[in-house]
Amino acid sequence: MANTAVKDKILIPKGEYLRLKKLDSRFGDFLGYLENLIDIREARKEIKQKKFIPQEKLFKQLGL
């Protein structure tokens, strides 16, 4: 098998890079929104079922 030299970098035009960066930001925002929406639905189900959330779990979810 012959060894082939491979470049570590790919050249991307600046306009395309900025467009992809903006798209990545929007997609990240959408995923954050979707995650919050799922959390809200889960919390509503727990409230309807009158479940109690352990304090440790609540603190962990809040990042405390």
PDB file of N, CA and C in Angstrom:
ATOM      1  N   MET A   1       0.832  -1.164   0.000  1.00  0.00           N
ATOM      2  CA  MET A   1       0.000   0.000   0.000  1.00  0.00           C
ATOM      3  C   MET A   1       0.884   1.237   0.000  1.00  0.00           C
ATOM      4  N   ALA A   2       0.605   2.165  -0.854  1.00  0.00           N
ATOM      5  CA  ALA A   2       1.407   3.380  -0.947  1.00  0.00           C
ATOM      6  C   ALA A   2       0.864   4.423   0.021  1.00  0.00           C
ATOM      7  N   ASN A   3       1.759   5.165   0.618  1.00  0.00           N
ATOM      8  CA  ASN A   3       1.355   6.238   1.523  1.00  0.00           C
ATOM      9  C   ASN A   3       1.064   7.490   0.706  1.00  0.00           C
ATOM     10  N   THR A   4      -0.011   8.153   1.054  1.00  0.00           N
ATOM     11  CA  THR A   4      -0.408   9.365   0.351  1.00  0.00           C
ATOM     12  C   THR A   4      -0.400  10.518   1.338  1.00  0.00           C
ATOM     13  N   ALA A   5       0.173  11.632   0.905  1.00  0.00           N
ATOM     14  CA  ALA A   5       0.197  12.818   1.763  1.00  0.00           C
ATOM     15  C   ALA A   5      -1.202  13.425   1.800  1.00  0.00           C
ATOM     16  N   VAL A   6      -1.652  13.751   2.990  1.00  0.00           N
ATOM     17  CA  VAL A   6      -2.986  14.313   3.171  1.00  0.00           C
ATOM     18  C   VAL A   6      -2.844  15.656   3.864  1.00  0.00           C
ATOM     19  N   LYS A   7      -3.549  16.642   3.346  1.00  0.00           N
ATOM     20  CA  LYS A   7      -3.524  17.963   3.970  1.00  0.00           C
ATOM     21  C   LYS A   7      -4.423  17.958   5.213  1.00  0.00           C
ATOM     22  N   ASP A   8      -3.987  18.656   6.236  1.00  0.00           N
ATOM     23  CA  ASP A   8      -4.763  18.751   7.467  1.00  0.00           C
ATOM     24  C   ASP A   8      -5.833  19.837   7.399  1.00  0.00           C
ATOM     25  N   LYS A   9      -5.722  20.738   6.450  1.00  0.00           N
ATOM     26  CA  LYS A   9      -6.635  21.873   6.387  1.00  0.00           C
ATOM     27  C   LYS A   9      -7.401  21.866   5.072  1.00  0.00           C
ATOM     28  N   ILE A  10      -8.610  22.361   5.146  1.00  0.00           N
ATOM     29  CA  ILE A  10      -9.447  22.521   3.962  1.00  0.00           C
ATOM     30  C   ILE A  10      -9.745  24.008   3.840  1.00  0.00           C
ATOM     31  N   LEU A  11      -9.572  24.557   2.676  1.00  0.00           N
ATOM     32  CA  LEU A  11      -9.849  25.971   2.460  1.00  0.00           C
ATOM     33  C   LEU A  11     -11.333  26.162   2.163  1.00  0.00           C
ATOM     34  N   ILE A  12     -11.949  27.076   2.914  1.00  0.00           N
ATOM     35  CA  ILE A  12     -13.357  27.405   2.734  1.00  0.00           C
ATOM     36  C   ILE A  12     -13.446  28.916   2.554  1.00  0.00           C
ATOM     37  N   PRO A  13     -14.177  29.371   1.552  1.00  0.00           N
ATOM     38  CA  PRO A  13     -14.340  30.821   1.374  1.00  0.00           C
ATOM     39  C   PRO A  13     -14.946  31.466   2.625  1.00  0.00           C
ATOM     40  N   LYS A  14     -14.543  32.692   2.895  1.00  0.00           N
ATOM     41  CA  LYS A  14     -14.981  33.386   4.110  1.00  0.00           C
ATOM     42  C   LYS A  14     -16.503  33.500   4.191  1.00  0.00           C
ATOM     43  N   GLY A  15     -17.142  33.819   3.078  1.00  0.00           N
ATOM     44  CA  GLY A  15     -18.606  33.945   3.068  1.00  0.00           C
ATOM     45  C   GLY A  15     -19.290  32.638   3.430  1.00  0.00           C
ATOM     46  N   GLU A  16     -18.774  31.544   2.896  1.00  0.00           N
ATOM     47  CA  GLU A  16     -19.340  30.227   3.204  1.00  0.00           C
ATOM     48  C   GLU A  16     -19.124  29.873   4.672  1.00  0.00           C
ATOM     49  N   TYR A  17     -17.942  30.208   5.194  1.00  0.00           N
ATOM     50  CA  TYR A  17     -17.641  29.939   6.603  1.00  0.00           C
ATOM     51  C   TYR A  17     -18.600  30.704   7.506  1.00  0.00           C
ATOM     52  N   LEU A  18     -18.818  31.972   7.207  1.00  0.00           N
ATOM     53  CA  LEU A  18     -19.727  32.783   8.029  1.00  0.00           C
ATOM     54  C   LEU A  18     -21.158  32.258   7.944  1.00  0.00           C
ATOM     55  N   ARG A  19     -21.571  31.802   6.754  1.00  0.00           N
ATOM     56  CA  ARG A  19     -22.911  31.242   6.589  1.00  0.00           C
ATOM     57  C   ARG A  19     -23.059  29.964   7.419  1.00  0.00           C
ATOM     58  N   LEU A  20     -22.048  29.106   7.380  1.00  0.00           N
ATOM     59  CA  LEU A  20     -22.096  27.864   8.160  1.00  0.00           C
ATOM     60  C   LEU A  20     -22.070  28.135   9.660  1.00  0.00           C
ATOM     61  N   LYS A  21     -21.307  29.149  10.055  1.00  0.00           N
ATOM     62  CA  LYS A  21     -21.234  29.510  11.470  1.00  0.00           C
ATOM     63  C   LYS A  21     -22.594  30.013  11.960  1.00  0.00           C
ATOM     64  N   LYS A  22     -23.267  30.818  11.137  1.00  0.00           N
ATOM     65  CA  LYS A  22     -24.585  31.340  11.485  1.00  0.00           C
ATOM     66  C   LYS A  22     -25.600  30.201  11.557  1.00  0.00           C
ATOM     67  N   LEU A  23     -25.523  29.271  10.603  1.00  0.00           N
ATOM     68  CA  LEU A  23     -26.413  28.115  10.591  1.00  0.00           C
ATOM     69  C   LEU A  23     -26.196  27.254  11.832  1.00  0.00           C
ATOM     70  N   ASP A  24     -24.941  27.049  12.212  1.00  0.00           N
ATOM     71  CA  ASP A  24     -24.618  26.273  13.411  1.00  0.00           C
ATOM     72  C   ASP A  24     -25.203  26.940  14.655  1.00  0.00           C
ATOM     73  N   SER A  25     -25.112  28.247  14.717  1.00  0.00           N
ATOM     74  CA  SER A  25     -25.660  28.988  15.858  1.00  0.00           C
ATOM     75  C   SER A  25     -27.178  28.822  15.932  1.00  0.00           C
ATOM     76  N   ARG A  26     -27.846  28.965  14.791  1.00  0.00           N
ATOM     77  CA  ARG A  26     -29.306  28.826  14.770  1.00  0.00           C
ATOM     78  C   ARG A  26     -29.728  27.407  15.145  1.00  0.00           C
ATOM     79  N   PHE A  27     -29.019  26.413  14.630  1.00  0.00           N
ATOM     80  CA  PHE A  27     -29.343  25.026  14.933  1.00  0.00           C
ATOM     81  C   PHE A  27     -29.132  24.749  16.415  1.00  0.00           C
ATOM     82  N   GLY A  28     -28.062  25.308  16.987  1.00  0.00           N
ATOM     83  CA  GLY A  28     -27.811  25.154  18.415  1.00  0.00           C
ATOM     84  C   GLY A  28     -28.911  25.779  19.247  1.00  0.00           C
ATOM     85  N   ASP A  29     -29.376  26.966  18.822  1.00  0.00           N
ATOM     86  CA  ASP A  29     -30.482  27.623  19.518  1.00  0.00           C
ATOM     87  C   ASP A  29     -31.748  26.774  19.444  1.00  0.00           C
ATOM     88  N   PHE A  30     -31.992  26.186  18.277  1.00  0.00           N
ATOM     89  CA  PHE A  30     -33.176  25.341  18.101  1.00  0.00           C
ATOM     90  C   PHE A  30     -33.112  24.110  19.004  1.00  0.00           C
ATOM     91  N   LEU A  31     -31.940  23.505  19.092  1.00  0.00           N
ATOM     92  CA  LEU A  31     -31.796  22.327  19.952  1.00  0.00           C
ATOM     93  C   LEU A  31     -31.994  22.691  21.421  1.00  0.00           C
ATOM     94  N   GLY A  32     -31.512  23.862  21.822  1.00  0.00           N
ATOM     95  CA  GLY A  32     -31.741  24.329  23.190  1.00  0.00           C
ATOM     96  C   GLY A  32     -33.217  24.536  23.463  1.00  0.00           C
ATOM     97  N   TYR A  33     -33.924  25.118  22.489  1.00  0.00           N
ATOM     98  CA  TYR A  33     -35.367  25.327  22.608  1.00  0.00           C
ATOM     99  C   TYR A  33     -36.092  23.987  22.721  1.00  0.00           C
ATOM    100  N   LEU A  34     -35.701  23.036  21.879  1.00  0.00           N
ATOM    101  CA  LEU A  34     -36.323  21.714  21.888  1.00  0.00           C
ATOM    102  C   LEU A  34     -36.089  21.008  23.226  1.00  0.00           C
ATOM    103  N   GLU A  35     -34.894  21.139  23.768  1.00  0.00           N
ATOM    104  CA  GLU A  35     -34.586  20.527  25.067  1.00  0.00           C
ATOM    105  C   GLU A  35     -35.458  21.121  26.168  1.00  0.00           C
ATOM    106  N   ASN A  36     -35.613  22.448  26.149  1.00  0.00           N
ATOM    107  CA  ASN A  36     -36.468  23.099  27.147  1.00  0.00           C
ATOM    108  C   ASN A  36     -37.920  22.670  26.990  1.00  0.00           C
ATOM    109  N   LEU A  37     -38.384  22.530  25.757  1.00  0.00           N
ATOM    110  CA  LEU A  37     -39.753  22.111  25.498  1.00  0.00           C
ATOM    111  C   LEU A  37     -40.003  20.710  26.047  1.00  0.00           C
ATOM    112  N   ILE A  38     -39.057  19.813  25.849  1.00  0.00           N
ATOM    113  CA  ILE A  38     -39.183  18.451  26.372  1.00  0.00           C
ATOM    114  C   ILE A  38     -39.207  18.468  27.895  1.00  0.00           C
ATOM    115  N   ASP A  39     -38.341  19.283  28.508  1.00  0.00           N
ATOM    116  CA  ASP A  39     -38.322  19.392  29.971  1.00  0.00           C
ATOM    117  C   ASP A  39     -39.656  19.919  30.512  1.00  0.00           C
ATOM    118  N   ILE A  40     -40.232  20.884  29.811  1.00  0.00           N
ATOM    119  CA  ILE A  40     -41.514  21.453  30.251  1.00  0.00           C
ATOM    120  C   ILE A  40     -42.615  20.405  30.157  1.00  0.00           C
ATOM    121  N   ARG A  41     -42.643  19.645  29.066  1.00  0.00           N
ATOM    122  CA  ARG A  41     -43.661  18.596  28.925  1.00  0.00           C
ATOM    123  C   ARG A  41     -43.526  17.551  30.023  1.00  0.00           C
ATOM    124  N   GLU A  42     -42.292  17.167  30.324  1.00  0.00           N
ATOM    125  CA  GLU A  42     -42.052  16.185  31.381  1.00  0.00           C
ATOM    126  C   GLU A  42     -42.516  16.720  32.733  1.00  0.00           C
ATOM    127  N   ALA A  43     -42.226  17.977  32.998  1.00  0.00           N
ATOM    128  CA  ALA A  43     -42.642  18.586  34.266  1.00  0.00           C
ATOM    129  C   ALA A  43     -44.162  18.650  34.362  1.00  0.00           C
ATOM    130  N   ARG A  44     -44.832  18.963  33.251  1.00  0.00           N
ATOM    131  CA  ARG A  44     -46.299  19.016  33.258  1.00  0.00           C
ATOM    132  C   ARG A  44     -46.904  17.648  33.544  1.00  0.00           C
ATOM    133  N   LYS A  45     -46.292  16.592  32.976  1.00  0.00           N
ATOM    134  CA  LYS A  45     -46.771  15.234  33.246  1.00  0.00           C
ATOM    135  C   LYS A  45     -46.614  14.897  34.721  1.00  0.00           C
ATOM    136  N   GLU A  46     -45.479  15.279  35.303  1.00  0.00           N
ATOM    137  CA  GLU A  46     -45.239  15.005  36.726  1.00  0.00           C
ATOM    138  C   GLU A  46     -46.238  15.758  37.596  1.00  0.00           C
ATOM    139  N   ILE A  47     -46.579  16.980  37.203  1.00  0.00           N
ATOM    140  CA  ILE A  47     -47.547  17.768  37.973  1.00  0.00           C
ATOM    141  C   ILE A  47     -48.933  17.133  37.887  1.00  0.00           C
ATOM    142  N   LYS A  48     -49.324  16.696  36.683  1.00  0.00           N
ATOM    143  CA  LYS A  48     -50.636  16.058  36.518  1.00  0.00           C
ATOM    144  C   LYS A  48     -50.726  14.773  37.330  1.00  0.00           C
ATOM    145  N   GLN A  49     -49.619  14.045  37.440  1.00  0.00           N
ATOM    146  CA  GLN A  49     -49.600  12.806  38.202  1.00  0.00           C
ATOM    147  C   GLN A  49     -49.358  13.056  39.687  1.00  0.00           C
ATOM    148  N   LYS A  50     -49.219  14.326  40.041  1.00  0.00           N
ATOM    149  CA  LYS A  50     -48.969  14.760  41.420  1.00  0.00           C
ATOM    150  C   LYS A  50     -47.760  14.053  42.021  1.00  0.00           C
ATOM    151  N   LYS A  51     -46.708  13.957  41.212  1.00  0.00           N
ATOM    152  CA  LYS A  51     -45.464  13.351  41.676  1.00  0.00           C
ATOM    153  C   LYS A  51     -44.656  14.382  42.455  1.00  0.00           C
ATOM    154  N   PHE A  52     -43.912  13.896  43.404  1.00  0.00           N
ATOM    155  CA  PHE A  52     -42.995  14.739  44.135  1.00  0.00           C
ATOM    156  C   PHE A  52     -41.597  14.495  43.595  1.00  0.00           C
ATOM    157  N   ILE A  53     -40.850  15.562  43.411  1.00  0.00           N
ATOM    158  CA  ILE A  53     -39.482  15.454  42.920  1.00  0.00           C
ATOM    159  C   ILE A  53     -38.548  15.539  44.125  1.00  0.00           C
ATOM    160  N   PRO A  54     -37.667  14.554  44.286  1.00  0.00           N
ATOM    161  CA  PRO A  54     -36.708  14.628  45.385  1.00  0.00           C
ATOM    162  C   PRO A  54     -35.838  15.887  45.259  1.00  0.00           C
ATOM    163  N   GLN A  55     -35.502  16.475  46.379  1.00  0.00           N
ATOM    164  CA  GLN A  55     -34.746  17.713  46.393  1.00  0.00           C
ATOM    165  C   GLN A  55     -33.392  17.553  45.695  1.00  0.00           C
ATOM    166  N   GLU A  56     -32.743  16.408  45.872  1.00  0.00           N
ATOM    167  CA  GLU A  56     -31.443  16.177  45.244  1.00  0.00           C
ATOM    168  C   GLU A  56     -31.567  16.200  43.716  1.00  0.00           C
ATOM    169  N   LYS A  57     -32.634  15.574  43.194  1.00  0.00           N
ATOM    170  CA  LYS A  57     -32.851  15.547  41.746  1.00  0.00           C
ATOM    171  C   LYS A  57     -33.115  16.956  41.221  1.00  0.00           C
ATOM    172  N   LEU A  58     -33.898  17.720  41.978  1.00  0.00           N
ATOM    173  CA  LEU A  58     -34.197  19.095  41.587  1.00  0.00           C
ATOM    174  C   LEU A  58     -32.923  19.924  41.521  1.00  0.00           C
ATOM    175  N   PHE A  59     -32.094  19.828  42.541  1.00  0.00           N
ATOM    176  CA  PHE A  59     -30.829  20.576  42.558  1.00  0.00           C
ATOM    177  C   PHE A  59     -29.918  20.154  41.409  1.00  0.00           C
ATOM    178  N   LYS A  60     -29.923  18.867  41.118  1.00  0.00           N
ATOM    179  CA  LYS A  60     -29.080  18.359  40.019  1.00  0.00           C
ATOM    180  C   LYS A  60     -29.584  18.913  38.688  1.00  0.00           C
ATOM    181  N   GLN A  61     -30.899  18.946  38.487  1.00  0.00           N
ATOM    182  CA  GLN A  61     -31.481  19.481  37.260  1.00  0.00           C
ATOM    183  C   GLN A  61     -31.211  20.969  37.111  1.00  0.00           C
ATOM    184  N   LEU A  62     -31.187  21.670  38.242  1.00  0.00           N
ATOM    185  CA  LEU A  62     -30.915  23.109  38.201  1.00  0.00           C
ATOM    186  C   LEU A  62     -29.416  23.417  38.120  1.00  0.00           C
ATOM    187  N   GLY A  63     -28.610  22.401  38.261  1.00  0.00           N
ATOM    188  CA  GLY A  63     -27.167  22.609  38.171  1.00  0.00           C
ATOM    189  C   GLY A  63     -26.548  23.163  39.446  1.00  0.00           C
ATOM    190  N   LEU A  64     -27.215  22.921  40.562  1.00  0.00           N
ATOM    191  CA  LEU A  64     -26.698  23.438  41.841  1.00  0.00           C
ATOM    192  C   LEU A  64     -25.984  22.345  42.611  1.00  0.00           C
TER     193      LEU A  64
END
